[in-house]
Amino acid sequence: MRSQHAASPLTRTDALIERVWEAVMTLDEPAAVRAVLRALDDGLDPEAVLMDVIGPVQG
């Protein structure tokens, strides 16, 4: 998790990575899916979700 005193604010993608990672770590697959679908519904680019969120979480 990032410090509240980080040099730059969280981006939408950073915040999504944190939500998905937390869901993965607690074995809450439905929460991970909900977070990704909500981001897509809010207009986040599907390629960005795949490359910038799902990829790093899987890595």
N, C-alpha and C. Protein backbone atom coordinates (compact mmCIF):
# COMPACT_ATOMS: atom_id res chain seq x y z
N MET A 1 0.85 -1.18 0.00
CA MET A 1 0.00 0.00 0.00
C MET A 1 0.89 1.24 0.00
N ARG A 2 0.44 2.29 -0.61
CA ARG A 2 1.23 3.51 -0.70
C ARG A 2 1.08 4.38 0.54
N SER A 3 2.12 5.11 0.82
CA SER A 3 2.10 6.05 1.93
C SER A 3 1.21 7.23 1.59
N GLN A 4 0.59 7.81 2.60
CA GLN A 4 -0.22 9.01 2.36
C GLN A 4 0.65 10.17 1.93
N HIS A 5 1.95 10.07 2.14
CA HIS A 5 2.86 11.16 1.81
C HIS A 5 3.64 10.88 0.53
N ALA A 6 3.08 10.07 -0.35
CA ALA A 6 3.75 9.74 -1.61
C ALA A 6 3.93 11.01 -2.43
N ALA A 7 4.93 10.98 -3.30
CA ALA A 7 5.27 12.16 -4.10
C ALA A 7 4.14 12.54 -5.04
N SER A 8 3.42 11.56 -5.57
CA SER A 8 2.33 11.88 -6.49
C SER A 8 1.07 11.16 -6.04
N PRO A 9 -0.09 11.75 -6.35
CA PRO A 9 -1.33 11.10 -5.96
C PRO A 9 -1.54 9.82 -6.75
N LEU A 10 -2.37 8.94 -6.23
CA LEU A 10 -2.68 7.70 -6.93
C LEU A 10 -3.40 8.01 -8.23
N THR A 11 -3.04 7.31 -9.27
CA THR A 11 -3.79 7.41 -10.51
C THR A 11 -4.96 6.45 -10.43
N ARG A 12 -5.87 6.55 -11.38
CA ARG A 12 -7.01 5.62 -11.40
C ARG A 12 -6.51 4.18 -11.49
N THR A 13 -5.48 3.98 -12.32
CA THR A 13 -4.94 2.64 -12.49
C THR A 13 -4.28 2.15 -11.20
N ASP A 14 -3.53 3.02 -10.53
CA ASP A 14 -2.89 2.64 -9.26
C ASP A 14 -3.94 2.24 -8.23
N ALA A 15 -5.00 3.02 -8.15
CA ALA A 15 -6.06 2.72 -7.19
C ALA A 15 -6.72 1.38 -7.52
N LEU A 16 -6.92 1.13 -8.81
CA LEU A 16 -7.52 -0.14 -9.23
C LEU A 16 -6.59 -1.31 -8.91
N ILE A 17 -5.31 -1.14 -9.16
CA ILE A 17 -4.35 -2.19 -8.82
C ILE A 17 -4.44 -2.52 -7.34
N GLU A 18 -4.52 -1.52 -6.50
CA GLU A 18 -4.61 -1.76 -5.05
C GLU A 18 -5.88 -2.51 -4.69
N ARG A 19 -7.02 -2.12 -5.31
CA ARG A 19 -8.29 -2.81 -5.01
C ARG A 19 -8.24 -4.27 -5.47
N VAL A 20 -7.73 -4.49 -6.69
CA VAL A 20 -7.66 -5.85 -7.21
C VAL A 20 -6.67 -6.68 -6.39
N TRP A 21 -5.51 -6.10 -6.06
CA TRP A 21 -4.51 -6.83 -5.28
C TRP A 21 -5.08 -7.23 -3.91
N GLU A 22 -5.77 -6.32 -3.26
CA GLU A 22 -6.38 -6.62 -1.96
C GLU A 22 -7.38 -7.77 -2.10
N ALA A 23 -8.18 -7.74 -3.16
CA ALA A 23 -9.14 -8.81 -3.38
C ALA A 23 -8.43 -10.14 -3.63
N VAL A 24 -7.37 -10.12 -4.40
CA VAL A 24 -6.61 -11.34 -4.68
C VAL A 24 -6.01 -11.89 -3.38
N MET A 25 -5.43 -11.02 -2.58
CA MET A 25 -4.77 -11.47 -1.35
C MET A 25 -5.75 -12.03 -0.33
N THR A 26 -7.00 -11.61 -0.40
CA THR A 26 -8.01 -12.14 0.52
C THR A 26 -8.86 -13.23 -0.14
N LEU A 27 -8.41 -13.67 -1.33
CA LEU A 27 -9.09 -14.73 -2.08
C LEU A 27 -10.54 -14.37 -2.40
N ASP A 28 -10.79 -13.09 -2.65
CA ASP A 28 -12.14 -12.61 -2.93
C ASP A 28 -12.27 -12.32 -4.43
N GLU A 29 -12.41 -13.40 -5.20
CA GLU A 29 -12.51 -13.27 -6.66
C GLU A 29 -13.67 -12.36 -7.09
N PRO A 30 -14.86 -12.48 -6.48
CA PRO A 30 -15.95 -11.59 -6.89
C PRO A 30 -15.60 -10.11 -6.71
N ALA A 31 -14.89 -9.76 -5.66
CA ALA A 31 -14.50 -8.36 -5.45
C ALA A 31 -13.53 -7.89 -6.52
N ALA A 32 -12.62 -8.76 -6.92
CA ALA A 32 -11.67 -8.41 -7.99
C ALA A 32 -12.41 -8.17 -9.29
N VAL A 33 -13.35 -9.05 -9.60
CA VAL A 33 -14.13 -8.90 -10.83
C VAL A 33 -14.96 -7.62 -10.78
N ARG A 34 -15.60 -7.37 -9.64
CA ARG A 34 -16.40 -6.14 -9.51
C ARG A 34 -15.55 -4.90 -9.72
N ALA A 35 -14.35 -4.88 -9.15
CA ALA A 35 -13.47 -3.71 -9.28
C ALA A 35 -13.10 -3.48 -10.74
N VAL A 36 -12.76 -4.55 -11.45
CA VAL A 36 -12.39 -4.42 -12.86
C VAL A 36 -13.59 -3.98 -13.69
N LEU A 37 -14.74 -4.61 -13.49
CA LEU A 37 -15.92 -4.24 -14.26
C LEU A 37 -16.35 -2.81 -13.98
N ARG A 38 -16.24 -2.37 -12.74
CA ARG A 38 -16.60 -0.99 -12.40
C ARG A 38 -15.66 -0.01 -13.12
N ALA A 39 -14.38 -0.33 -13.16
CA ALA A 39 -13.42 0.54 -13.85
C ALA A 39 -13.74 0.61 -15.34
N LEU A 40 -14.08 -0.53 -15.93
CA LEU A 40 -14.45 -0.53 -17.35
C LEU A 40 -15.73 0.28 -17.58
N ASP A 41 -16.71 0.11 -16.71
CA ASP A 41 -17.96 0.88 -16.82
C ASP A 41 -17.71 2.37 -16.67
N ASP A 42 -16.70 2.73 -15.87
CA ASP A 42 -16.35 4.14 -15.66
C ASP A 42 -15.50 4.70 -16.79
N GLY A 43 -15.20 3.88 -17.79
CA GLY A 43 -14.49 4.38 -18.96
C GLY A 43 -13.01 4.09 -19.04
N LEU A 44 -12.47 3.33 -18.11
CA LEU A 44 -11.05 2.99 -18.20
C LEU A 44 -10.85 2.09 -19.41
N ASP A 45 -9.82 2.37 -20.17
CA ASP A 45 -9.53 1.64 -21.40
C ASP A 45 -9.29 0.16 -21.11
N PRO A 46 -9.98 -0.74 -21.83
CA PRO A 46 -9.80 -2.17 -21.58
C PRO A 46 -8.35 -2.64 -21.71
N GLU A 47 -7.62 -2.09 -22.67
CA GLU A 47 -6.21 -2.48 -22.82
C GLU A 47 -5.40 -2.06 -21.60
N ALA A 48 -5.71 -0.88 -21.05
CA ALA A 48 -5.01 -0.41 -19.85
C ALA A 48 -5.32 -1.33 -18.67
N VAL A 49 -6.57 -1.77 -18.58
CA VAL A 49 -6.93 -2.69 -17.50
C VAL A 49 -6.12 -3.98 -17.62
N LEU A 50 -6.03 -4.50 -18.83
CA LEU A 50 -5.29 -5.75 -19.03
C LEU A 50 -3.80 -5.57 -18.79
N MET A 51 -3.21 -4.56 -19.42
CA MET A 51 -1.75 -4.40 -19.38
C MET A 51 -1.25 -3.76 -18.08
N ASP A 52 -2.01 -2.80 -17.55
CA ASP A 52 -1.53 -2.02 -16.41
C ASP A 52 -2.07 -2.51 -15.06
N VAL A 53 -3.11 -3.32 -15.09
CA VAL A 53 -3.70 -3.79 -13.83
C VAL A 53 -3.59 -5.31 -13.70
N ILE A 54 -4.21 -6.02 -14.60
CA ILE A 54 -4.24 -7.48 -14.48
C ILE A 54 -2.84 -8.07 -14.63
N GLY A 55 -2.08 -7.60 -15.60
CA GLY A 55 -0.72 -8.10 -15.81
C GLY A 55 0.15 -7.98 -14.57
N PRO A 56 0.27 -6.77 -14.01
CA PRO A 56 1.10 -6.62 -12.81
C PRO A 56 0.60 -7.43 -11.60
N VAL A 57 -0.71 -7.54 -11.45
CA VAL A 57 -1.24 -8.31 -10.33
C VAL A 57 -0.91 -9.79 -10.51
N GLN A 58 -0.94 -10.28 -11.74
CA GLN A 58 -0.59 -11.68 -11.99
C GLN A 58 0.90 -11.93 -11.83
N GLY A 59 1.70 -10.89 -12.11
CA GLY A 59 3.16 -11.05 -12.09
C GLY A 59 3.68 -11.21 -10.75
